[in-house]
Amino acid sequence: MTFSIAARDATTGMFGVAVSSSSPAVAARCAYARTGVGAACSQNITDPRLGAALLARLERGMFAREALDQVVADAPDIAYRQLTVVDRWGGTAAWSGERTLGTHATAEGADAVVAGNLLAQDDVPAKMLAAFMERRDERFGDRLLAAMQAGLAAGGEAGPVHSAGLLIVRDVPWPVVDLRVDWADDPIGELAKLWRLWRPQMDAYVTRALDPASAPTYGVAGDE
């Protein structure tokens, strides 16, 4: 019921997740990222504890594969879960339990990992990964959304999706992007609109937190 990408921006050190599902409020349960540590997704009959468990192991210095192997070994009912993780070095790992729903697949590359279940086609993750990799000169959020749009164009889920989210962490201890569409007919399209609104304001809100005296006290106009 879900397809997602977890990734690192090697230039900026950002980590992020983009995710969509036929279920409501998917990003509230499936997307995880921590500044300077990594990003992860826990999906398919989701156990939200597993995303946090992956990040906790990364924070202790584990590589993505080591962290994933430990979580898979320790977690109950792991056959029902689908997991992805990317570490601070850009290493990635993915897991699909034997009870993962419907057509499911994963795709891994340097700095990015994609997974999906109940997919229309098993090549959806590979096309998402390719779209992310092809846009190395674009902003990180644009690359993540390009991956989601490529997944949708490749068929996405077997049925319509209704929720989507974009989560990005940078060099501050809070997410600099945490955008969600919890129920809509075109959640990925609506998420892209939110990103276009937020993108030109993102840095200004960080400045307001860290150095309010130098920050504007009024809204920043959108660039589109």
N, C-alpha and C. Protein backbone atom coordinates (compact mmCIF):
# COMPACT_ATOMS: atom_id res chain seq x y z
N MET A 1 0.81 -1.21 0.00
CA MET A 1 0.00 0.00 0.00
C MET A 1 0.85 1.26 0.00
N THR A 2 2.16 1.12 -0.23
CA THR A 2 3.06 2.26 -0.03
C THR A 2 4.24 2.19 -0.98
N PHE A 3 4.71 3.36 -1.46
CA PHE A 3 6.02 3.42 -2.10
C PHE A 3 6.74 4.66 -1.57
N SER A 4 8.07 4.52 -1.44
CA SER A 4 8.83 5.56 -0.74
C SER A 4 10.27 5.58 -1.21
N ILE A 5 10.94 6.70 -0.92
CA ILE A 5 12.38 6.83 -1.12
C ILE A 5 12.99 7.45 0.13
N ALA A 6 14.08 6.88 0.61
CA ALA A 6 14.89 7.46 1.68
C ALA A 6 16.25 7.78 1.08
N ALA A 7 16.79 8.96 1.37
CA ALA A 7 17.99 9.38 0.65
C ALA A 7 18.84 10.35 1.46
N ARG A 8 20.09 10.47 1.02
CA ARG A 8 21.04 11.46 1.53
C ARG A 8 21.45 12.37 0.39
N ASP A 9 21.60 13.66 0.67
CA ASP A 9 22.19 14.59 -0.28
C ASP A 9 23.67 14.71 0.07
N ALA A 10 24.53 14.15 -0.77
CA ALA A 10 25.96 14.09 -0.46
C ALA A 10 26.59 15.48 -0.39
N THR A 11 26.02 16.45 -1.09
CA THR A 11 26.59 17.80 -1.11
C THR A 11 26.28 18.57 0.16
N THR A 12 25.04 18.50 0.62
CA THR A 12 24.59 19.31 1.76
C THR A 12 24.57 18.54 3.07
N GLY A 13 24.59 17.21 3.01
CA GLY A 13 24.46 16.41 4.21
C GLY A 13 23.03 16.23 4.67
N MET A 14 22.07 16.71 3.91
CA MET A 14 20.67 16.52 4.25
C MET A 14 20.28 15.05 4.13
N PHE A 15 19.29 14.66 4.92
CA PHE A 15 18.63 13.36 4.77
C PHE A 15 17.15 13.61 4.57
N GLY A 16 16.50 12.73 3.80
CA GLY A 16 15.08 12.94 3.57
C GLY A 16 14.35 11.68 3.17
N VAL A 17 13.04 11.77 3.29
CA VAL A 17 12.13 10.70 2.91
C VAL A 17 10.96 11.33 2.17
N ALA A 18 10.53 10.69 1.09
CA ALA A 18 9.26 11.00 0.45
C ALA A 18 8.48 9.69 0.35
N VAL A 19 7.17 9.76 0.62
CA VAL A 19 6.38 8.54 0.73
C VAL A 19 4.95 8.83 0.31
N SER A 20 4.28 7.82 -0.25
CA SER A 20 2.87 7.94 -0.61
C SER A 20 2.18 6.60 -0.42
N SER A 21 0.87 6.66 -0.18
CA SER A 21 0.12 5.44 0.11
C SER A 21 -1.36 5.64 -0.17
N SER A 22 -2.07 4.53 -0.31
CA SER A 22 -3.52 4.57 -0.38
C SER A 22 -4.15 4.80 0.99
N SER A 23 -3.38 4.57 2.05
CA SER A 23 -3.85 4.78 3.42
C SER A 23 -3.74 6.25 3.80
N PRO A 24 -4.51 6.72 4.78
CA PRO A 24 -4.38 8.12 5.21
C PRO A 24 -3.14 8.34 6.04
N ALA A 25 -2.65 9.59 6.01
CA ALA A 25 -1.58 10.06 6.90
C ALA A 25 -0.36 9.17 6.91
N VAL A 26 0.11 8.75 5.75
CA VAL A 26 1.20 7.78 5.67
C VAL A 26 2.49 8.30 6.30
N ALA A 27 2.79 9.59 6.13
CA ALA A 27 4.08 10.10 6.62
C ALA A 27 4.16 10.10 8.13
N ALA A 28 3.02 10.13 8.80
CA ALA A 28 3.01 10.12 10.26
C ALA A 28 3.52 8.80 10.82
N ARG A 29 3.45 7.73 10.04
CA ARG A 29 3.81 6.40 10.52
C ARG A 29 5.06 5.82 9.87
N CYS A 30 5.40 6.30 8.68
CA CYS A 30 6.39 5.59 7.87
C CYS A 30 7.70 6.32 7.64
N ALA A 31 7.77 7.63 7.83
CA ALA A 31 8.95 8.41 7.46
C ALA A 31 9.77 8.81 8.68
N TYR A 32 11.09 8.58 8.60
CA TYR A 32 12.00 8.86 9.72
C TYR A 32 13.29 9.46 9.19
N ALA A 33 13.78 10.52 9.83
CA ALA A 33 15.07 11.11 9.48
C ALA A 33 15.62 11.82 10.70
N ARG A 34 16.95 11.78 10.85
CA ARG A 34 17.60 12.42 11.99
C ARG A 34 18.85 13.13 11.52
N THR A 35 19.02 14.37 11.93
CA THR A 35 20.14 15.20 11.52
C THR A 35 21.48 14.51 11.79
N GLY A 36 22.33 14.45 10.76
CA GLY A 36 23.66 13.89 10.89
C GLY A 36 23.70 12.39 11.05
N VAL A 37 22.56 11.73 10.98
CA VAL A 37 22.48 10.30 11.27
C VAL A 37 22.03 9.49 10.06
N GLY A 38 20.85 9.80 9.53
CA GLY A 38 20.36 9.04 8.40
C GLY A 38 18.86 9.19 8.23
N ALA A 39 18.29 8.32 7.40
CA ALA A 39 16.86 8.31 7.12
C ALA A 39 16.41 6.88 6.96
N ALA A 40 15.12 6.65 7.22
CA ALA A 40 14.59 5.30 7.15
C ALA A 40 13.10 5.35 6.86
N CYS A 41 12.59 4.23 6.34
CA CYS A 41 11.15 4.03 6.17
C CYS A 41 10.76 2.70 6.77
N SER A 42 9.62 2.68 7.44
CA SER A 42 9.01 1.45 7.92
C SER A 42 7.61 1.40 7.32
N GLN A 43 7.33 0.39 6.51
CA GLN A 43 6.07 0.35 5.78
C GLN A 43 5.57 -1.08 5.62
N ASN A 44 4.39 -1.22 5.02
CA ASN A 44 3.72 -2.50 4.81
C ASN A 44 3.27 -3.10 6.16
N ILE A 45 2.00 -2.92 6.48
CA ILE A 45 1.49 -3.32 7.81
C ILE A 45 2.46 -2.73 8.84
N THR A 46 2.51 -1.42 8.86
CA THR A 46 3.61 -0.67 9.45
C THR A 46 3.76 -0.86 10.95
N ASP A 47 4.99 -1.03 11.39
CA ASP A 47 5.35 -0.93 12.79
C ASP A 47 6.23 0.31 12.93
N PRO A 48 5.69 1.44 13.40
CA PRO A 48 6.48 2.67 13.47
C PRO A 48 7.70 2.57 14.37
N ARG A 49 7.73 1.62 15.28
CA ARG A 49 8.89 1.47 16.16
C ARG A 49 10.16 1.14 15.38
N LEU A 50 9.99 0.53 14.22
CA LEU A 50 11.16 0.02 13.51
C LEU A 50 11.95 1.15 12.83
N GLY A 51 11.27 2.20 12.37
CA GLY A 51 12.00 3.34 11.82
C GLY A 51 12.88 3.98 12.87
N ALA A 52 12.33 4.18 14.07
CA ALA A 52 13.11 4.74 15.17
C ALA A 52 14.25 3.81 15.57
N ALA A 53 14.01 2.50 15.54
CA ALA A 53 15.05 1.54 15.90
C ALA A 53 16.21 1.58 14.91
N LEU A 54 15.90 1.74 13.64
CA LEU A 54 16.97 1.85 12.63
C LEU A 54 17.82 3.09 12.88
N LEU A 55 17.17 4.24 13.13
CA LEU A 55 17.93 5.46 13.36
C LEU A 55 18.76 5.38 14.63
N ALA A 56 18.24 4.74 15.65
CA ALA A 56 19.00 4.60 16.90
C ALA A 56 20.29 3.82 16.67
N ARG A 57 20.24 2.80 15.84
CA ARG A 57 21.45 2.02 15.54
C ARG A 57 22.42 2.81 14.67
N LEU A 58 21.88 3.57 13.72
CA LEU A 58 22.76 4.44 12.93
C LEU A 58 23.46 5.45 13.82
N GLU A 59 22.74 5.98 14.79
CA GLU A 59 23.33 7.00 15.67
C GLU A 59 24.47 6.42 16.50
N ARG A 60 24.44 5.13 16.74
CA ARG A 60 25.52 4.47 17.47
C ARG A 60 26.71 4.16 16.57
N GLY A 61 26.63 4.53 15.29
CA GLY A 61 27.75 4.37 14.38
C GLY A 61 27.66 3.20 13.44
N MET A 62 26.54 2.49 13.44
CA MET A 62 26.41 1.35 12.54
C MET A 62 26.21 1.80 11.11
N PHE A 63 26.64 0.95 10.18
CA PHE A 63 26.31 1.13 8.77
C PHE A 63 24.86 0.70 8.53
N ALA A 64 24.30 1.12 7.40
CA ALA A 64 22.91 0.83 7.10
C ALA A 64 22.63 -0.67 7.13
N ARG A 65 23.48 -1.46 6.49
CA ARG A 65 23.23 -2.90 6.43
C ARG A 65 23.28 -3.54 7.81
N GLU A 66 24.24 -3.13 8.61
CA GLU A 66 24.35 -3.67 9.97
C GLU A 66 23.13 -3.31 10.80
N ALA A 67 22.69 -2.06 10.71
CA ALA A 67 21.52 -1.63 11.46
C ALA A 67 20.28 -2.41 11.04
N LEU A 68 20.11 -2.57 9.74
CA LEU A 68 18.95 -3.29 9.25
C LEU A 68 18.98 -4.75 9.68
N ASP A 69 20.13 -5.39 9.57
CA ASP A 69 20.24 -6.79 9.96
C ASP A 69 19.88 -6.99 11.43
N GLN A 70 20.30 -6.05 12.28
CA GLN A 70 19.98 -6.16 13.70
C GLN A 70 18.49 -5.99 13.96
N VAL A 71 17.88 -5.01 13.31
CA VAL A 71 16.44 -4.78 13.50
C VAL A 71 15.65 -5.99 12.99
N VAL A 72 16.02 -6.51 11.85
CA VAL A 72 15.33 -7.69 11.31
C VAL A 72 15.47 -8.88 12.25
N ALA A 73 16.63 -9.04 12.84
CA ALA A 73 16.87 -10.17 13.75
C ALA A 73 16.09 -10.02 15.05
N ASP A 74 15.88 -8.77 15.51
CA ASP A 74 15.31 -8.54 16.83
C ASP A 74 13.81 -8.30 16.83
N ALA A 75 13.25 -7.81 15.73
CA ALA A 75 11.86 -7.34 15.74
C ALA A 75 10.87 -8.50 15.65
N PRO A 76 9.78 -8.44 16.39
CA PRO A 76 8.73 -9.45 16.24
C PRO A 76 7.95 -9.23 14.94
N ASP A 77 7.38 -10.28 14.41
CA ASP A 77 6.50 -10.19 13.23
C ASP A 77 7.18 -9.54 12.04
N ILE A 78 8.49 -9.75 11.91
CA ILE A 78 9.25 -9.06 10.87
C ILE A 78 8.85 -9.51 9.47
N ALA A 79 8.23 -10.65 9.34
CA ALA A 79 7.80 -11.13 8.03
C ALA A 79 6.78 -10.20 7.38
N TYR A 80 6.08 -9.38 8.19
CA TYR A 80 5.07 -8.48 7.68
C TYR A 80 5.63 -7.12 7.27
N ARG A 81 6.88 -6.87 7.52
CA ARG A 81 7.42 -5.51 7.39
C ARG A 81 8.26 -5.32 6.13
N GLN A 82 8.28 -4.06 5.67
CA GLN A 82 9.19 -3.64 4.60
C GLN A 82 9.95 -2.42 5.13
N LEU A 83 11.28 -2.47 5.06
CA LEU A 83 12.12 -1.46 5.67
C LEU A 83 13.18 -0.97 4.68
N THR A 84 13.52 0.31 4.80
CA THR A 84 14.67 0.86 4.07
C THR A 84 15.44 1.78 5.00
N VAL A 85 16.73 1.95 4.71
CA VAL A 85 17.56 2.82 5.54
C VAL A 85 18.76 3.32 4.73
N VAL A 86 19.15 4.58 4.98
CA VAL A 86 20.36 5.16 4.40
C VAL A 86 21.17 5.78 5.53
N ASP A 87 22.48 5.54 5.53
CA ASP A 87 23.32 6.01 6.63
C ASP A 87 24.08 7.28 6.27
N ARG A 88 24.89 7.78 7.21
CA ARG A 88 25.58 9.06 7.04
C ARG A 88 26.64 9.02 5.95
N TRP A 89 27.06 7.83 5.55
CA TRP A 89 28.05 7.67 4.49
C TRP A 89 27.40 7.42 3.13
N GLY A 90 26.09 7.37 3.10
CA GLY A 90 25.38 7.10 1.85
C GLY A 90 25.13 5.64 1.58
N GLY A 91 25.50 4.77 2.53
CA GLY A 91 25.20 3.36 2.38
C GLY A 91 23.72 3.09 2.57
N THR A 92 23.20 2.09 1.89
CA THR A 92 21.77 1.80 1.93
C THR A 92 21.52 0.31 2.17
N ALA A 93 20.30 0.03 2.62
CA ALA A 93 19.87 -1.36 2.79
C ALA A 93 18.36 -1.40 2.75
N ALA A 94 17.81 -2.56 2.34
CA ALA A 94 16.36 -2.72 2.23
C ALA A 94 15.97 -4.13 2.65
N TRP A 95 14.75 -4.26 3.13
CA TRP A 95 14.22 -5.55 3.58
C TRP A 95 12.74 -5.64 3.19
N SER A 96 12.34 -6.77 2.63
CA SER A 96 10.93 -7.06 2.40
C SER A 96 10.65 -8.44 3.00
N GLY A 97 9.83 -8.49 4.04
CA GLY A 97 9.48 -9.75 4.65
C GLY A 97 8.63 -10.62 3.74
N GLU A 98 8.57 -11.89 4.06
CA GLU A 98 7.88 -12.84 3.18
C GLU A 98 6.38 -12.59 3.10
N ARG A 99 5.84 -11.81 4.03
CA ARG A 99 4.42 -11.48 3.98
C ARG A 99 4.17 -10.06 3.49
N THR A 100 5.15 -9.47 2.84
CA THR A 100 4.94 -8.17 2.20
C THR A 100 3.83 -8.29 1.17
N LEU A 101 2.96 -7.29 1.10
CA LEU A 101 1.74 -7.38 0.32
C LEU A 101 1.97 -7.23 -1.18
N GLY A 102 1.28 -8.05 -1.95
CA GLY A 102 1.18 -7.90 -3.40
C GLY A 102 2.52 -7.89 -4.11
N THR A 103 2.53 -7.24 -5.26
CA THR A 103 3.77 -7.05 -6.00
C THR A 103 4.62 -6.06 -5.22
N HIS A 104 5.83 -6.47 -4.88
CA HIS A 104 6.70 -5.60 -4.10
C HIS A 104 8.13 -5.68 -4.63
N ALA A 105 8.88 -4.62 -4.40
CA ALA A 105 10.25 -4.56 -4.91
C ALA A 105 11.00 -3.47 -4.17
N THR A 106 12.33 -3.52 -4.28
CA THR A 106 13.20 -2.48 -3.74
C THR A 106 14.26 -2.15 -4.78
N ALA A 107 14.90 -1.00 -4.62
CA ALA A 107 16.02 -0.59 -5.48
C ALA A 107 16.99 0.21 -4.63
N GLU A 108 18.27 -0.12 -4.74
CA GLU A 108 19.30 0.55 -3.94
C GLU A 108 20.36 1.19 -4.82
N GLY A 109 20.83 2.35 -4.42
CA GLY A 109 21.94 3.01 -5.06
C GLY A 109 22.73 3.77 -4.03
N ALA A 110 23.83 4.38 -4.45
CA ALA A 110 24.57 5.24 -3.53
C ALA A 110 23.70 6.41 -3.13
N ASP A 111 23.48 6.57 -1.83
CA ASP A 111 22.73 7.68 -1.24
C ASP A 111 21.22 7.56 -1.32
N ALA A 112 20.66 6.51 -1.89
CA ALA A 112 19.20 6.43 -1.99
C ALA A 112 18.74 4.98 -2.04
N VAL A 113 17.58 4.73 -1.43
CA VAL A 113 16.97 3.41 -1.44
C VAL A 113 15.46 3.59 -1.56
N VAL A 114 14.85 2.75 -2.38
CA VAL A 114 13.43 2.86 -2.72
C VAL A 114 12.76 1.52 -2.44
N ALA A 115 11.53 1.56 -1.97
CA ALA A 115 10.77 0.33 -1.76
C ALA A 115 9.30 0.59 -2.01
N GLY A 116 8.58 -0.48 -2.39
CA GLY A 116 7.14 -0.36 -2.56
C GLY A 116 6.47 -1.72 -2.42
N ASN A 117 5.21 -1.67 -2.06
CA ASN A 117 4.40 -2.89 -1.96
C ASN A 117 3.02 -2.62 -2.55
N LEU A 118 2.31 -3.68 -2.90
CA LEU A 118 1.05 -3.58 -3.64
C LEU A 118 1.20 -2.67 -4.86
N LEU A 119 2.30 -2.87 -5.57
CA LEU A 119 2.64 -2.03 -6.71
C LEU A 119 1.91 -2.49 -7.97
N ALA A 120 1.72 -1.55 -8.89
CA ALA A 120 1.16 -1.89 -10.20
C ALA A 120 2.17 -2.67 -11.03
N GLN A 121 3.47 -2.35 -10.86
CA GLN A 121 4.55 -3.01 -11.61
C GLN A 121 5.75 -3.16 -10.70
N ASP A 122 6.54 -4.20 -10.91
CA ASP A 122 7.69 -4.40 -10.02
C ASP A 122 8.88 -3.51 -10.36
N ASP A 123 8.79 -2.73 -11.46
CA ASP A 123 9.90 -1.83 -11.81
C ASP A 123 9.70 -0.42 -11.27
N VAL A 124 8.65 -0.19 -10.50
CA VAL A 124 8.40 1.15 -9.95
C VAL A 124 9.58 1.65 -9.12
N PRO A 125 10.12 0.87 -8.18
CA PRO A 125 11.27 1.39 -7.40
C PRO A 125 12.48 1.72 -8.25
N ALA A 126 12.79 0.90 -9.25
CA ALA A 126 13.95 1.17 -10.10
C ALA A 126 13.78 2.48 -10.86
N LYS A 127 12.58 2.77 -11.32
CA LYS A 127 12.33 4.01 -12.05
C LYS A 127 12.39 5.22 -11.11
N MET A 128 11.93 5.03 -9.89
CA MET A 128 12.05 6.11 -8.90
C MET A 128 13.50 6.42 -8.60
N LEU A 129 14.29 5.38 -8.40
CA LEU A 129 15.72 5.58 -8.11
C LEU A 129 16.41 6.28 -9.27
N ALA A 130 16.10 5.87 -10.50
CA ALA A 130 16.71 6.50 -11.67
C ALA A 130 16.36 7.98 -11.74
N ALA A 131 15.12 8.33 -11.46
CA ALA A 131 14.71 9.74 -11.50
C ALA A 131 15.46 10.56 -10.47
N PHE A 132 15.66 10.00 -9.28
CA PHE A 132 16.43 10.71 -8.25
C PHE A 132 17.88 10.90 -8.68
N MET A 133 18.49 9.85 -9.20
CA MET A 133 19.90 9.91 -9.58
C MET A 133 20.15 10.86 -10.75
N GLU A 134 19.19 10.98 -11.65
CA GLU A 134 19.37 11.81 -12.84
C GLU A 134 19.34 13.30 -12.54
N ARG A 135 18.92 13.69 -11.34
CA ARG A 135 18.72 15.10 -11.02
C ARG A 135 19.70 15.58 -9.95
N ARG A 136 20.96 15.20 -10.09
CA ARG A 136 21.96 15.52 -9.07
C ARG A 136 22.19 17.01 -8.88
N ASP A 137 21.90 17.82 -9.89
CA ASP A 137 22.14 19.26 -9.79
C ASP A 137 20.94 20.02 -9.23
N GLU A 138 19.84 19.33 -8.94
CA GLU A 138 18.66 19.99 -8.44
C GLU A 138 18.63 19.99 -6.92
N ARG A 139 17.75 20.79 -6.33
CA ARG A 139 17.60 20.80 -4.88
C ARG A 139 17.09 19.45 -4.40
N PHE A 140 17.48 19.12 -3.19
CA PHE A 140 17.20 17.80 -2.64
C PHE A 140 15.69 17.49 -2.62
N GLY A 141 14.90 18.44 -2.19
CA GLY A 141 13.46 18.22 -2.17
C GLY A 141 12.89 17.99 -3.55
N ASP A 142 13.41 18.71 -4.55
CA ASP A 142 12.97 18.51 -5.93
C ASP A 142 13.31 17.10 -6.40
N ARG A 143 14.48 16.62 -6.01
CA ARG A 143 14.89 15.26 -6.42
C ARG A 143 13.99 14.20 -5.80
N LEU A 144 13.66 14.38 -4.53
CA LEU A 144 12.79 13.41 -3.86
C LEU A 144 11.41 13.40 -4.49
N LEU A 145 10.88 14.57 -4.79
CA LEU A 145 9.56 14.63 -5.42
C LEU A 145 9.59 14.12 -6.86
N ALA A 146 10.70 14.34 -7.55
CA ALA A 146 10.83 13.78 -8.90
C ALA A 146 10.76 12.26 -8.85
N ALA A 147 11.36 11.67 -7.83
CA ALA A 147 11.30 10.22 -7.66
C ALA A 147 9.86 9.77 -7.45
N MET A 148 9.11 10.49 -6.62
CA MET A 148 7.72 10.11 -6.37
C MET A 148 6.87 10.25 -7.63
N GLN A 149 7.10 11.31 -8.38
CA GLN A 149 6.34 11.51 -9.60
C GLN A 149 6.68 10.45 -10.64
N ALA A 150 7.95 10.02 -10.67
CA ALA A 150 8.34 8.94 -11.58
C ALA A 150 7.69 7.63 -11.17
N GLY A 151 7.58 7.39 -9.85
CA GLY A 151 6.90 6.20 -9.39
C GLY A 151 5.44 6.19 -9.78
N LEU A 152 4.79 7.32 -9.63
CA LEU A 152 3.39 7.43 -10.01
C LEU A 152 3.22 7.21 -11.51
N ALA A 153 4.11 7.81 -12.32
CA ALA A 153 4.04 7.65 -13.77
C ALA A 153 4.27 6.21 -14.20
N ALA A 154 5.06 5.47 -13.41
CA ALA A 154 5.33 4.07 -13.73
C ALA A 154 4.21 3.13 -13.28
N GLY A 155 3.19 3.68 -12.66
CA GLY A 155 2.05 2.87 -12.21
C GLY A 155 1.77 2.98 -10.74
N GLY A 156 2.81 3.31 -9.95
CA GLY A 156 2.62 3.48 -8.52
C GLY A 156 2.01 2.27 -7.87
N GLU A 157 1.08 2.51 -6.98
CA GLU A 157 0.33 1.42 -6.37
C GLU A 157 -0.65 0.82 -7.37
N ALA A 158 -1.11 -0.37 -7.04
CA ALA A 158 -2.11 -1.01 -7.90
C ALA A 158 -3.42 -0.24 -7.90
N GLY A 159 -3.71 0.49 -6.81
CA GLY A 159 -4.88 1.35 -6.72
C GLY A 159 -4.47 2.78 -6.49
N PRO A 160 -5.44 3.69 -6.35
CA PRO A 160 -5.11 5.11 -6.18
C PRO A 160 -4.47 5.38 -4.82
N VAL A 161 -3.54 6.34 -4.80
CA VAL A 161 -2.94 6.79 -3.54
C VAL A 161 -3.74 7.98 -3.01
N HIS A 162 -3.71 8.15 -1.68
CA HIS A 162 -4.50 9.22 -1.06
C HIS A 162 -3.70 10.08 -0.08
N SER A 163 -2.50 9.68 0.29
CA SER A 163 -1.70 10.51 1.19
C SER A 163 -0.24 10.50 0.75
N ALA A 164 0.49 11.53 1.18
CA ALA A 164 1.91 11.64 0.82
C ALA A 164 2.59 12.55 1.82
N GLY A 165 3.91 12.43 1.90
CA GLY A 165 4.67 13.29 2.80
C GLY A 165 6.10 13.47 2.35
N LEU A 166 6.69 14.58 2.77
CA LEU A 166 8.08 14.91 2.48
C LEU A 166 8.73 15.38 3.78
N LEU A 167 9.77 14.67 4.21
CA LEU A 167 10.48 14.96 5.45
C LEU A 167 11.95 15.15 5.14
N ILE A 168 12.54 16.28 5.55
CA ILE A 168 13.96 16.56 5.30
C ILE A 168 14.57 17.15 6.56
N VAL A 169 15.76 16.65 6.93
CA VAL A 169 16.54 17.24 8.02
C VAL A 169 17.84 17.78 7.45
N ARG A 170 18.36 18.81 8.16
CA ARG A 170 19.55 19.50 7.67
C ARG A 170 20.58 19.55 8.79
N ASP A 171 21.04 20.74 9.16
CA ASP A 171 22.08 20.91 10.17
C ASP A 171 21.53 21.49 11.46
N VAL A 172 20.24 21.38 11.66
CA VAL A 172 19.59 21.80 12.89
C VAL A 172 18.79 20.62 13.43
N PRO A 173 18.46 20.59 14.72
CA PRO A 173 17.88 19.39 15.30
C PRO A 173 16.38 19.22 15.07
N TRP A 174 15.80 20.00 14.17
CA TRP A 174 14.40 19.82 13.82
C TRP A 174 14.29 19.65 12.30
N PRO A 175 13.23 19.07 11.81
CA PRO A 175 13.07 18.96 10.35
C PRO A 175 12.93 20.34 9.72
N VAL A 176 13.67 20.58 8.65
CA VAL A 176 13.50 21.83 7.92
C VAL A 176 12.36 21.73 6.91
N VAL A 177 11.97 20.49 6.60
CA VAL A 177 10.79 20.23 5.77
C VAL A 177 10.01 19.11 6.43
N ASP A 178 8.73 19.35 6.69
CA ASP A 178 7.85 18.30 7.20
C ASP A 178 6.46 18.58 6.65
N LEU A 179 6.26 18.22 5.39
CA LEU A 179 5.04 18.53 4.66
C LEU A 179 4.22 17.25 4.47
N ARG A 180 2.93 17.36 4.68
CA ARG A 180 2.07 16.18 4.59
C ARG A 180 0.75 16.51 3.90
N VAL A 181 0.31 15.60 3.09
CA VAL A 181 -1.04 15.60 2.54
C VAL A 181 -1.68 14.31 3.04
N ASP A 182 -2.59 14.42 3.98
CA ASP A 182 -3.06 13.24 4.69
C ASP A 182 -4.26 12.56 4.02
N TRP A 183 -4.97 13.27 3.12
CA TRP A 183 -6.03 12.62 2.36
C TRP A 183 -6.41 13.52 1.20
N ALA A 184 -6.20 13.04 -0.02
CA ALA A 184 -6.51 13.82 -1.22
C ALA A 184 -6.59 12.88 -2.41
N ASP A 185 -7.20 13.38 -3.49
CA ASP A 185 -7.28 12.57 -4.70
C ASP A 185 -5.95 12.53 -5.45
N ASP A 186 -5.15 13.59 -5.31
CA ASP A 186 -3.83 13.67 -5.96
C ASP A 186 -2.80 14.10 -4.93
N PRO A 187 -2.47 13.24 -3.96
CA PRO A 187 -1.61 13.69 -2.87
C PRO A 187 -0.20 14.07 -3.30
N ILE A 188 0.36 13.39 -4.29
CA ILE A 188 1.71 13.73 -4.73
C ILE A 188 1.71 15.08 -5.42
N GLY A 189 0.69 15.35 -6.22
CA GLY A 189 0.57 16.67 -6.84
C GLY A 189 0.38 17.76 -5.81
N GLU A 190 -0.44 17.50 -4.79
CA GLU A 190 -0.66 18.49 -3.73
C GLU A 190 0.61 18.69 -2.91
N LEU A 191 1.35 17.61 -2.69
CA LEU A 191 2.61 17.73 -1.97
C LEU A 191 3.61 18.58 -2.74
N ALA A 192 3.65 18.41 -4.06
CA ALA A 192 4.54 19.23 -4.88
C ALA A 192 4.18 20.71 -4.77
N LYS A 193 2.89 21.02 -4.69
CA LYS A 193 2.46 22.41 -4.52
C LYS A 193 2.93 22.96 -3.18
N LEU A 194 2.79 22.16 -2.12
CA LEU A 194 3.26 22.59 -0.81
C LEU A 194 4.76 22.84 -0.80
N TRP A 195 5.51 21.96 -1.47
CA TRP A 195 6.96 22.12 -1.54
C TRP A 195 7.33 23.41 -2.28
N ARG A 196 6.63 23.71 -3.36
CA ARG A 196 6.92 24.95 -4.10
C ARG A 196 6.63 26.17 -3.24
N LEU A 197 5.62 26.09 -2.37
CA LEU A 197 5.33 27.17 -1.45
C LEU A 197 6.40 27.29 -0.37
N TRP A 198 6.82 26.16 0.17
CA TRP A 198 7.74 26.15 1.30
C TRP A 198 9.19 26.38 0.89
N ARG A 199 9.57 25.90 -0.29
CA ARG A 199 10.97 25.90 -0.73
C ARG A 199 11.66 27.26 -0.57
N PRO A 200 11.10 28.39 -1.04
CA PRO A 200 11.80 29.66 -0.92
C PRO A 200 11.81 30.23 0.51
N GLN A 201 11.02 29.65 1.41
CA GLN A 201 10.93 30.15 2.78
C GLN A 201 11.73 29.31 3.77
N MET A 202 12.16 28.14 3.36
CA MET A 202 12.76 27.18 4.27
C MET A 202 13.96 27.77 5.03
N ASP A 203 14.90 28.36 4.33
CA ASP A 203 16.10 28.88 4.98
C ASP A 203 15.78 30.05 5.91
N ALA A 204 14.80 30.85 5.53
CA ALA A 204 14.44 32.00 6.36
C ALA A 204 13.90 31.56 7.72
N TYR A 205 13.17 30.46 7.74
CA TYR A 205 12.64 30.00 9.03
C TYR A 205 13.74 29.43 9.92
N VAL A 206 14.78 28.89 9.33
CA VAL A 206 15.93 28.47 10.12
C VAL A 206 16.62 29.70 10.71
N THR A 207 16.81 30.75 9.90
CA THR A 207 17.42 31.98 10.39
C THR A 207 16.61 32.59 11.52
N ARG A 208 15.29 32.57 11.40
CA ARG A 208 14.44 33.13 12.45
C ARG A 208 14.66 32.42 13.79
N ALA A 209 14.92 31.11 13.71
CA ALA A 209 15.15 30.35 14.94
C ALA A 209 16.53 30.64 15.53
N LEU A 210 17.55 30.72 14.68
CA LEU A 210 18.93 30.82 15.16
C LEU A 210 19.38 32.26 15.39
N ASP A 211 18.88 33.18 14.60
CA ASP A 211 19.34 34.58 14.68
C ASP A 211 18.16 35.50 14.39
N PRO A 212 17.19 35.58 15.29
CA PRO A 212 15.96 36.32 14.98
C PRO A 212 16.19 37.80 14.72
N ALA A 213 17.25 38.38 15.27
CA ALA A 213 17.49 39.81 15.05
C ALA A 213 17.78 40.12 13.60
N SER A 214 18.34 39.15 12.88
CA SER A 214 18.69 39.40 11.49
C SER A 214 17.63 38.90 10.51
N ALA A 215 16.57 38.29 11.04
CA ALA A 215 15.56 37.68 10.18
C ALA A 215 14.40 38.63 9.94
N PRO A 216 13.78 38.55 8.76
CA PRO A 216 12.57 39.34 8.52
C PRO A 216 11.44 38.87 9.43
N THR A 217 10.56 39.77 9.77
CA THR A 217 9.44 39.44 10.67
C THR A 217 8.14 39.23 9.91
N TYR A 218 8.24 39.19 8.60
CA TYR A 218 7.05 39.01 7.77
C TYR A 218 7.25 37.81 6.89
N GLY A 219 6.17 37.37 6.25
CA GLY A 219 6.20 36.19 5.40
C GLY A 219 7.10 36.40 4.19
N VAL A 220 7.68 35.33 3.72
CA VAL A 220 8.52 35.36 2.54
C VAL A 220 7.67 34.95 1.35
N ALA A 221 7.69 35.74 0.30
CA ALA A 221 6.85 35.44 -0.86
C ALA A 221 7.35 34.19 -1.56
N GLY A 222 6.43 33.43 -2.11
CA GLY A 222 6.78 32.25 -2.87
C GLY A 222 7.45 32.60 -4.16
N ASP A 223 8.15 31.64 -4.76
CA ASP A 223 8.86 31.91 -6.00
C ASP A 223 8.07 31.44 -7.20
N GLU A 224 6.87 30.89 -6.96
CA GLU A 224 6.06 30.47 -8.09
C GLU A 224 4.61 30.85 -7.81
